[in-house]
C-alpha atoms as a PDB file:
ATOM      1  CA  MET A   1     126.004  94.621  52.699  1.00  0.00           C
ATOM      2  CA  SER A   2     127.536  97.409  54.789  1.00  0.00           C
ATOM      3  CA  PRO A   3     127.573  97.153  58.593  1.00  0.00           C
ATOM      4  CA  PHE A   4     125.061 100.036  58.741  1.00  0.00           C
ATOM      5  CA  PHE A   5     122.333  97.951  57.107  1.00  0.00           C
ATOM      6  CA  GLU A   6     123.074  95.012  59.419  1.00  0.00           C
ATOM      7  CA  PHE A   7     121.812  97.105  62.322  1.00  0.00           C
ATOM      8  CA  GLY A   8     118.484  95.470  63.258  1.00  0.00           C
ATOM      9  CA  ILE A   9     115.871  95.178  65.956  1.00  0.00           C
ATOM     10  CA  LYS A  10     118.106  92.926  68.065  1.00  0.00           C
ATOM     11  CA  ASP A  11     120.753  95.641  68.205  1.00  0.00           C
ATOM     12  CA  ILE A  12     118.160  98.217  69.269  1.00  0.00           C
ATOM     13  CA  ILE A  13     116.969  95.917  72.069  1.00  0.00           C
ATOM     14  CA  ASP A  14     120.588  95.337  73.080  1.00  0.00           C
ATOM     15  CA  ILE A  15     121.269  99.090  73.339  1.00  0.00           C
ATOM     16  CA  LEU A  16     118.054  99.717  75.282  1.00  0.00           C
ATOM     17  CA  LEU A  17     118.827  96.924  77.750  1.00  0.00           C
ATOM     18  CA  VAL A  18     122.354  98.242  78.360  1.00  0.00           C
ATOM     19  CA  ALA A  19     121.003 101.782  78.793  1.00  0.00           C
ATOM     20  CA  GLY A  20     118.372 100.523  81.232  1.00  0.00           C
ATOM     21  CA  LEU A  21     120.954  98.566  83.216  1.00  0.00           C
ATOM     22  CA  LEU A  22     123.279 101.583  83.439  1.00  0.00           C
ATOM     23  CA  TYR A  23     120.404 103.814  84.540  1.00  0.00           C
ATOM     24  CA  TYR A  24     119.363 101.340  87.236  1.00  0.00           C
ATOM     25  CA  ILE A  25     122.937 101.063  88.521  1.00  0.00           C
ATOM     26  CA  TYR A  26     123.146 104.882  88.449  1.00  0.00           C
ATOM     27  CA  LYS A  27     120.033 105.192  90.628  1.00  0.00           C
ATOM     28  CA  VAL A  28     121.270 102.591  93.135  1.00  0.00           C
ATOM     29  CA  MET A  29     124.718 104.187  93.439  1.00  0.00           C
ATOM     30  CA  LYS A  30     123.233 107.675  93.666  1.00  0.00           C
ATOM     31  CA  ALA A  31     121.021 106.532  96.541  1.00  0.00           C
ATOM     32  CA  SER A  32     124.020 105.001  98.329  1.00  0.00           C
ATOM     33  CA  GLY A  33     126.184 108.105  97.809  1.00  0.00           C
ATOM     34  CA  SER A  34     128.610 106.398  95.392  1.00  0.00           C
ATOM     35  CA  ILE A  35     127.730 108.415  92.301  1.00  0.00           C
ATOM     36  CA  LYS A  36     131.297 109.725  91.878  1.00  0.00           C
ATOM     37  CA  VAL A  37     132.584 106.150  91.790  1.00  0.00           C
ATOM     38  CA  PHE A  38     129.991 105.310  89.126  1.00  0.00           C
ATOM     39  CA  THR A  39     131.080 108.328  87.049  1.00  0.00           C
ATOM     40  CA  GLY A  40     134.736 107.364  87.383  1.00  0.00           C
ATOM     41  CA  ILE A  41     133.996 103.803  86.225  1.00  0.00           C
ATOM     42  CA  LEU A  42     132.121 105.093  83.162  1.00  0.00           C
ATOM     43  CA  VAL A  43     134.992 107.416  82.242  1.00  0.00           C
ATOM     44  CA  PHE A  44     137.498 104.562  82.573  1.00  0.00           C
ATOM     45  CA  LEU A  45     135.317 102.291  80.399  1.00  0.00           C
ATOM     46  CA  LEU A  46     135.075 104.952  77.687  1.00  0.00           C
ATOM     47  CA  ILE A  47     138.866 105.450  77.675  1.00  0.00           C
ATOM     48  CA  TRP A  48     139.372 101.671  77.550  1.00  0.00           C
ATOM     49  CA  LEU A  49     137.005 101.333  74.571  1.00  0.00           C
ATOM     50  CA  VAL A  50     138.699 104.177  72.682  1.00  0.00           C
ATOM     51  CA  VAL A  51     142.194 102.797  73.309  1.00  0.00           C
ATOM     52  CA  THR A  52     141.413  99.151  72.490  1.00  0.00           C
ATOM     53  CA  GLN A  53     138.642  99.364  69.875  1.00  0.00           C
ATOM     54  CA  VAL A  54     138.982 102.710  68.098  1.00  0.00           C
ATOM     55  CA  LEU A  55     142.714 103.491  68.227  1.00  0.00           C
ATOM     56  CA  ALA A  56     143.777  99.813  68.539  1.00  0.00           C
ATOM     57  CA  MET A  57     146.854 100.656  70.624  1.00  0.00           C
ATOM     58  CA  LYS A  58     148.419  97.293  71.471  1.00  0.00           C
ATOM     59  CA  LEU A  59     150.739  98.212  74.339  1.00  0.00           C
ATOM     60  CA  LEU A  60     148.428 100.667  76.075  1.00  0.00           C
ATOM     61  CA  GLY A  61     145.502  98.379  75.302  1.00  0.00           C
ATOM     62  CA  SER A  62     147.166  95.423  77.026  1.00  0.00           C
ATOM     63  CA  ILE A  63     147.794  97.583  80.111  1.00  0.00           C
ATOM     64  CA  PHE A  64     144.157  98.660  80.180  1.00  0.00           C
ATOM     65  CA  ASN A  65     142.995  95.052  79.728  1.00  0.00           C
ATOM     66  CA  THR A  66     145.085  94.011  82.730  1.00  0.00           C
ATOM     67  CA  LEU A  67     143.657  96.884  84.776  1.00  0.00           C
ATOM     68  CA  MET A  68     140.160  95.836  83.753  1.00  0.00           C
ATOM     69  CA  ASN A  69     140.711  92.258  84.940  1.00  0.00           C
ATOM     70  CA  VAL A  70     142.204  93.355  88.256  1.00  0.00           C
ATOM     71  CA  GLY A  71     139.723  96.239  88.615  1.00  0.00           C
ATOM     72  CA  VAL A  72     136.655  94.005  88.424  1.00  0.00           C
ATOM     73  CA  LEU A  73     137.981  91.831  91.262  1.00  0.00           C
ATOM     74  CA  ALA A  74     138.885  94.924  93.309  1.00  0.00           C
ATOM     75  CA  LEU A  75     135.426  96.435  92.830  1.00  0.00           C
ATOM     76  CA  ILE A  76     133.775  93.189  93.975  1.00  0.00           C
ATOM     77  CA  ILE A  77     135.886  93.185  97.152  1.00  0.00           C
ATOM     78  CA  ILE A  78     135.422  96.900  97.894  1.00  0.00           C
ATOM     79  CA  PHE A  79     131.698  97.046  97.140  1.00  0.00           C
ATOM     80  CA  GLN A  80     130.673  93.569  98.297  1.00  0.00           C
ATOM     81  CA  ASP A  81     128.033  94.965 100.679  1.00  0.00           C
ATOM     82  CA  ASP A  82     126.614  97.253  97.977  1.00  0.00           C
ATOM     83  CA  ILE A  83     126.554  94.379  95.474  1.00  0.00           C
ATOM     84  CA  ARG A  84     124.752  92.163  98.000  1.00  0.00           C
ATOM     85  CA  ARG A  85     122.138  94.864  98.629  1.00  0.00           C
ATOM     86  CA  PHE A  86     121.808  95.433  94.867  1.00  0.00           C
ATOM     87  CA  LEU A  87     121.083  91.737  94.274  1.00  0.00           C
ATOM     88  CA  PHE A  88     118.605  91.623  97.148  1.00  0.00           C
ATOM     89  CA  THR A  89     116.863  94.732  95.811  1.00  0.00           C
ATOM     90  CA  LEU A  90     116.812  93.330  92.272  1.00  0.00           C
ATOM     91  CA  GLY A  91     115.395  89.998  93.413  1.00  0.00           C
ATOM     92  CA  SER A  92     112.741  91.645  95.557  1.00  0.00           C
ATOM     93  CA  HIS A  93     111.824  94.371  93.077  1.00  0.00           C
ATOM     94  CA  LYS A  94     108.091  94.989  92.921  1.00  0.00           C
ATOM     95  CA  HIS A  95     107.923  94.119  89.206  1.00  0.00           C
ATOM     96  CA  VAL A  96     109.505  90.718  89.866  1.00  0.00           C
ATOM     97  CA  SER A  97     106.894  89.728  92.418  1.00  0.00           C
ATOM     98  CA  THR A  98     103.851  91.283  90.726  1.00  0.00           C
ATOM     99  CA  ILE A  99     102.324  87.951  89.662  1.00  0.00           C
ATOM    100  CA  ALA A 100     102.686  86.409  93.117  1.00  0.00           C
ATOM    101  CA  ARG A 101     101.117  89.435  94.777  1.00  0.00           C
ATOM    102  CA  PHE A 102      98.231  89.465  92.292  1.00  0.00           C
ATOM    103  CA  PHE A 103      96.767  86.229  93.660  1.00  0.00           C
ATOM    104  CA  SER A 104      97.043  87.291  97.313  1.00  0.00           C
ATOM    105  CA  ARG A 105      96.525  91.044  97.068  1.00  0.00           C
ATOM    106  CA  LYS A 106      93.490  91.286  99.360  1.00  0.00           C
ATOM    107  CA  LYS A 107      95.027  89.052 101.980  1.00  0.00           C
ATOM    108  CA  ASN A 108      98.306  90.982 101.908  1.00  0.00           C
ATOM    109  CA  LYS A 109      96.580  94.343 102.285  1.00  0.00           C
ATOM    110  CA  GLN A 110      94.472  93.104 105.192  1.00  0.00           C
ATOM    111  CA  THR A 111      97.506  91.589 106.929  1.00  0.00           C
ATOM    112  CA  ALA A 112      99.581  94.706 106.290  1.00  0.00           C
ATOM    113  CA  HIS A 113      96.853  96.917 107.772  1.00  0.00           C
ATOM    114  CA  GLU A 114      96.669  94.832 110.955  1.00  0.00           C
ATOM    115  CA  GLU A 115     100.451  94.845 111.362  1.00  0.00           C
ATOM    116  CA  ILE A 116     100.855  98.559 110.670  1.00  0.00           C
ATOM    117  CA  MET A 117      98.092 100.017 112.865  1.00  0.00           C
ATOM    118  CA  PRO A 118      99.848  99.491 116.269  1.00  0.00           C
ATOM    119  CA  ILE A 119     102.900 101.273 114.839  1.00  0.00           C
ATOM    120  CA  VAL A 120     100.792 104.116 113.421  1.00  0.00           C
ATOM    121  CA  MET A 121      98.913 104.609 116.695  1.00  0.00           C
ATOM    122  CA  ALA A 122     102.149 104.586 118.702  1.00  0.00           C
ATOM    123  CA  CYS A 123     103.653 107.204 116.390  1.00  0.00           C
ATOM    124  CA  LEU A 124     100.565 109.431 116.712  1.00  0.00           C
ATOM    125  CA  ASN A 125     100.677 109.295 120.518  1.00  0.00           C
ATOM    126  CA  MET A 126     104.417 109.991 120.595  1.00  0.00           C
ATOM    127  CA  SER A 127     103.916 112.845 118.123  1.00  0.00           C
ATOM    128  CA  LYS A 128     101.363 114.504 120.433  1.00  0.00           C
ATOM    129  CA  ARG A 129     103.795 114.256 123.353  1.00  0.00           C
ATOM    130  CA  LYS A 130     106.790 115.333 121.209  1.00  0.00           C
ATOM    131  CA  GLN A 131     108.470 112.064 122.123  1.00  0.00           C
ATOM    132  CA  GLY A 132     111.298 111.318 119.699  1.00  0.00           C
ATOM    133  CA  ALA A 133     111.313 107.914 118.017  1.00  0.00           C
ATOM    134  CA  LEU A 134     113.013 106.008 115.195  1.00  0.00           C
ATOM    135  CA  ILE A 135     111.335 102.826 113.926  1.00  0.00           C
ATOM    136  CA  VAL A 136     112.756 100.677 111.109  1.00  0.00           C
ATOM    137  CA  ILE A 137     110.530  98.122 109.373  1.00  0.00           C
ATOM    138  CA  GLU A 138     112.540  95.419 107.608  1.00  0.00           C
ATOM    139  CA  HIS A 139     111.292  94.049 104.292  1.00  0.00           C
ATOM    140  CA  ASN A 140     113.350  91.975 101.840  1.00  0.00           C
ATOM    141  CA  VAL A 141     116.897  93.168 102.593  1.00  0.00           C
ATOM    142  CA  PRO A 142     118.042  91.618 105.922  1.00  0.00           C
ATOM    143  CA  LEU A 143     119.109  94.035 108.652  1.00  0.00           C
ATOM    144  CA  ASN A 144     121.042  91.544 110.779  1.00  0.00           C
ATOM    145  CA  ASP A 145     124.053  93.862 111.072  1.00  0.00           C
ATOM    146  CA  VAL A 146     121.831  96.652 112.389  1.00  0.00           C
ATOM    147  CA  ILE A 147     119.980  94.337 114.773  1.00  0.00           C
ATOM    148  CA  ALA A 148     123.319  93.143 116.185  1.00  0.00           C
ATOM    149  CA  THR A 149     124.120  96.700 117.349  1.00  0.00           C
ATOM    150  CA  GLY A 150     121.107  96.829 119.691  1.00  0.00           C
ATOM    151  CA  GLU A 151     119.474  94.888 122.498  1.00  0.00           C
ATOM    152  CA  ILE A 152     117.568  91.808 121.334  1.00  0.00           C
ATOM    153  CA  ILE A 153     113.878  91.908 122.291  1.00  0.00           C
ATOM    154  CA  ASN A 154     112.071  89.586 119.852  1.00  0.00           C
ATOM    155  CA  ALA A 155     108.601  90.594 121.093  1.00  0.00           C
ATOM    156  CA  ASP A 156     105.295  90.952 119.284  1.00  0.00           C
ATOM    157  CA  VAL A 157     104.602  94.419 117.891  1.00  0.00           C
ATOM    158  CA  ASN A 158     102.654  96.272 120.555  1.00  0.00           C
ATOM    159  CA  GLN A 159     101.665  99.920 120.728  1.00  0.00           C
ATOM    160  CA  ARG A 160     102.384 100.268 124.454  1.00  0.00           C
ATOM    161  CA  LEU A 161     105.739  98.539 124.164  1.00  0.00           C
ATOM    162  CA  ILE A 162     106.862 100.870 121.364  1.00  0.00           C
ATOM    163  CA  GLU A 163     105.861 103.935 123.386  1.00  0.00           C
ATOM    164  CA  ASN A 164     107.636 102.620 126.509  1.00  0.00           C
ATOM    165  CA  ILE A 165     110.855 101.920 124.575  1.00  0.00           C
ATOM    166  CA  PHE A 166     110.985 105.547 123.403  1.00  0.00           C
ATOM    167  CA  PHE A 167     110.007 107.027 126.760  1.00  0.00           C
ATOM    168  CA  LYS A 168     112.517 109.746 127.557  1.00  0.00           C
ATOM    169  CA  ASN A 169     113.958 108.002 130.641  1.00  0.00           C
ATOM    170  CA  SER A 170     114.243 104.619 128.899  1.00  0.00           C
ATOM    171  CA  PRO A 171     117.836 103.434 128.357  1.00  0.00           C
ATOM    172  CA  LEU A 172     116.950 102.421 124.758  1.00  0.00           C
ATOM    173  CA  HIS A 173     115.126 105.568 123.647  1.00  0.00           C
ATOM    174  CA  ASP A 174     118.120 107.083 121.819  1.00  0.00           C
ATOM    175  CA  GLY A 175     118.529 104.262 119.299  1.00  0.00           C
ATOM    176  CA  ALA A 176     116.218 102.719 116.711  1.00  0.00           C
ATOM    177  CA  ILE A 177     113.975  99.686 116.977  1.00  0.00           C
ATOM    178  CA  VAL A 178     113.910  97.165 114.133  1.00  0.00           C
ATOM    179  CA  ILE A 179     110.644  95.408 113.286  1.00  0.00           C
ATOM    180  CA  SER A 180     110.675  92.263 111.147  1.00  0.00           C
ATOM    181  CA  ASN A 181     107.869  89.752 110.468  1.00  0.00           C
ATOM    182  CA  ASN A 182     105.614  91.615 112.916  1.00  0.00           C
ATOM    183  CA  LYS A 183     108.207  91.226 115.682  1.00  0.00           C
ATOM    184  CA  ILE A 184     110.240  93.890 117.468  1.00  0.00           C
ATOM    185  CA  LYS A 185     113.611  92.250 116.922  1.00  0.00           C
ATOM    186  CA  ALA A 186     115.819  94.746 118.748  1.00  0.00           C
ATOM    187  CA  ALA A 187     115.926  98.217 120.298  1.00  0.00           C
ATOM    188  CA  GLY A 188     118.682 100.778 120.771  1.00  0.00           C
ATOM    189  CA  CYS A 189     120.099  99.942 117.332  1.00  0.00           C
ATOM    190  CA  ILE A 190     122.669 102.116 115.573  1.00  0.00           C
ATOM    191  CA  LEU A 191     121.889 103.122 111.981  1.00  0.00           C
ATOM    192  CA  PRO A 192     124.148 104.415 109.203  1.00  0.00           C
ATOM    193  CA  VAL A 193     123.879 108.183 108.857  1.00  0.00           C
ATOM    194  CA  ALA A 194     123.207 109.865 105.514  1.00  0.00           C
ATOM    195  CA  HIS A 195     125.585 112.688 104.625  1.00  0.00           C
ATOM    196  CA  ASP A 196     123.546 114.206 101.789  1.00  0.00           C
ATOM    197  CA  LEU A 197     124.040 117.958 101.516  1.00  0.00           C
ATOM    198  CA  ASN A 198     120.473 118.592 100.369  1.00  0.00           C
ATOM    199  CA  ILE A 199     118.867 117.480 103.650  1.00  0.00           C
ATOM    200  CA  PRO A 200     117.067 120.462 105.257  1.00  0.00           C
ATOM    201  CA  LYS A 201     119.123 122.026 108.046  1.00  0.00           C
ATOM    202  CA  ASP A 202     116.267 121.826 110.548  1.00  0.00           C
ATOM    203  CA  LEU A 203     116.263 118.018 110.431  1.00  0.00           C
ATOM    204  CA  GLY A 204     118.305 116.280 113.104  1.00  0.00           C
ATOM    205  CA  LEU A 205     120.309 113.096 113.515  1.00  0.00           C
ATOM    206  CA  ARG A 206     117.226 110.855 113.648  1.00  0.00           C
ATOM    207  CA  HIS A 207     116.181 111.977 110.161  1.00  0.00           C
ATOM    208  CA  ARG A 208     119.697 111.461 108.812  1.00  0.00           C
ATOM    209  CA  ALA A 209     119.870 107.994 110.361  1.00  0.00           C
ATOM    210  CA  GLY A 210     116.461 107.081 108.951  1.00  0.00           C
ATOM    211  CA  LEU A 211     117.474 108.302 105.501  1.00  0.00           C
ATOM    212  CA  GLY A 212     120.767 106.416 105.797  1.00  0.00           C
ATOM    213  CA  ILE A 213     119.131 103.022 106.397  1.00  0.00           C
ATOM    214  CA  SER A 214     116.645 103.681 103.574  1.00  0.00           C
ATOM    215  CA  GLN A 215     119.562 104.244 101.196  1.00  0.00           C
ATOM    216  CA  GLU A 216     121.156 100.924 102.117  1.00  0.00           C
ATOM    217  CA  SER A 217     118.026  98.743 102.201  1.00  0.00           C
ATOM    218  CA  ASP A 218     114.354  98.614 101.208  1.00  0.00           C
ATOM    219  CA  ALA A 219     113.232  99.239 104.795  1.00  0.00           C
ATOM    220  CA  HIS A 220     110.820 101.929 105.942  1.00  0.00           C
ATOM    221  CA  ALA A 221     112.208 104.228 108.617  1.00  0.00           C
ATOM    222  CA  ILE A 222     109.637 106.189 110.643  1.00  0.00           C
ATOM    223  CA  ILE A 223     110.943 109.272 112.432  1.00  0.00           C
ATOM    224  CA  VAL A 224     109.045 111.166 115.137  1.00  0.00           C
ATOM    225  CA  SER A 225     110.626 114.534 115.821  1.00  0.00           C
ATOM    226  CA  GLU A 226     111.400 115.362 119.441  1.00  0.00           C
ATOM    227  CA  GLU A 227     111.464 119.098 118.708  1.00  0.00           C
ATOM    228  CA  VAL A 228     108.163 119.643 116.854  1.00  0.00           C
ATOM    229  CA  GLY A 229     106.470 116.240 117.049  1.00  0.00           C
ATOM    230  CA  SER A 230     106.151 115.816 113.276  1.00  0.00           C
ATOM    231  CA  ILE A 231     106.105 112.341 111.706  1.00  0.00           C
ATOM    232  CA  SER A 232     108.327 111.535 108.719  1.00  0.00           C
ATOM    233  CA  VAL A 233     109.180 108.415 106.733  1.00  0.00           C
ATOM    234  CA  ALA A 234     112.393 107.595 104.875  1.00  0.00           C
ATOM    235  CA  TYR A 235     111.995 105.068 102.064  1.00  0.00           C
ATOM    236  CA  MET A 236     114.286 104.152  99.159  1.00  0.00           C
ATOM    237  CA  GLY A 237     116.473 107.183  99.792  1.00  0.00           C
ATOM    238  CA  LYS A 238     113.603 109.699  99.961  1.00  0.00           C
ATOM    239  CA  LEU A 239     112.158 111.628 102.888  1.00  0.00           C
ATOM    240  CA  TYR A 240     108.395 112.108 103.270  1.00  0.00           C
ATOM    241  CA  LEU A 241     107.895 114.883 105.816  1.00  0.00           C
ATOM    242  CA  ARG A 242     105.035 116.036 108.052  1.00  0.00           C
ATOM    243  CA  LEU A 243     102.713 113.079 107.523  1.00  0.00           C
ATOM    244  CA  ASN A 244      99.273 112.682 109.054  1.00  0.00           C
ATOM    245  CA  ALA A 245      97.802 109.340 110.152  1.00  0.00           C
ATOM    246  CA  GLU A 246      96.244 108.494 106.787  1.00  0.00           C
ATOM    247  CA  GLU A 247      99.378 109.368 104.835  1.00  0.00           C
ATOM    248  CA  LEU A 248     101.562 107.362 107.207  1.00  0.00           C
ATOM    249  CA  GLU A 249      99.324 104.290 106.999  1.00  0.00           C
ATOM    250  CA  ARG A 250      99.077 104.489 103.203  1.00  0.00           C
ATOM    251  CA  LEU A 251     102.824 104.893 102.750  1.00  0.00           C
ATOM    252  CA  LEU A 252     103.627 101.927 105.006  1.00  0.00           C
ATOM    253  CA  THR A 253     100.921  99.693 103.536  1.00  0.00           C
ATOM    254  CA  GLU A 254     101.277 100.328  99.805  1.00  0.00           C
ATOM    255  CA  ASN A 255     105.080 100.174  99.583  1.00  0.00           C
ATOM    256  CA  ARG A 256     105.616  96.666 100.959  1.00  0.00           C
END
C-alpha cells in the first residue's frame, strides 16, 4: 500500500492540532509584540525541514541540527518570562476551567458584582471630574513584579480610597494601582508600555501602559482619561474605548 493511502484520521487530527498550536502561539506572540520573532522561527524551521528531510544534505543538516539544539535552549533563556506567562495563560484559559465555573456560576457572578461596583463607582466619579486614573485588576497571572515597583498598601477595595489615591495632589496619582483578591495591593506602580503603531494618536501614556500590561498578562486595566474624562479598558491586548457604567461593569464581570 502506498504512503498516500496510509493517510488516516489520526494524521488529520495530528495536522489540525499542530495548526491550532501554531495559531495559538501566533496570537500570544502577536499580543506581546514578538510576531517578527515568531515569523523568523517558522522560516528557520521550514529551511531545516527542507535541508534535512527533503534534500537530505548531511553536512548542512548536521549544522542545522546543532543550531536547533542550541537554539531551543537560547529561546528558553531569552523568552523565559513570555514562556511563563504563556503557561499561566494556558492553565487559566477559560475553556480549561469551564466545568469548575459551571457549578459555582451564580456565586461567582454575585461575588464579582460586589467586588467590581466600588471600582466602577470610583471610575464614574473620577470621569466626571476628569481625574486621570489607571487601575489594574489581577486575575490568574501574578503581577508581583509590577506590585514591587509601587508603594505597598494592602487595603480593602474602597471607592473613597481609590479616588483619594488618584487625587491630583496625591504623590501616587501618576502611577497605577494593582487590585488582587479584592485588595488594593499597591499604588504608584510602573507598567510596561505598549509600542503598537496602530494605537490612536489622541490616546496618552496611561492608555499605552494599560494596553502594555494587558498584553503581558490576563489582567484588566481601567483607564480614566485626564483630558476628556472617558473610561477605557485594556484586556488581552485590546482596547475598549468610551465605556459607560453598564459596559464597564459587564466587561469587568464577564471576563474573569
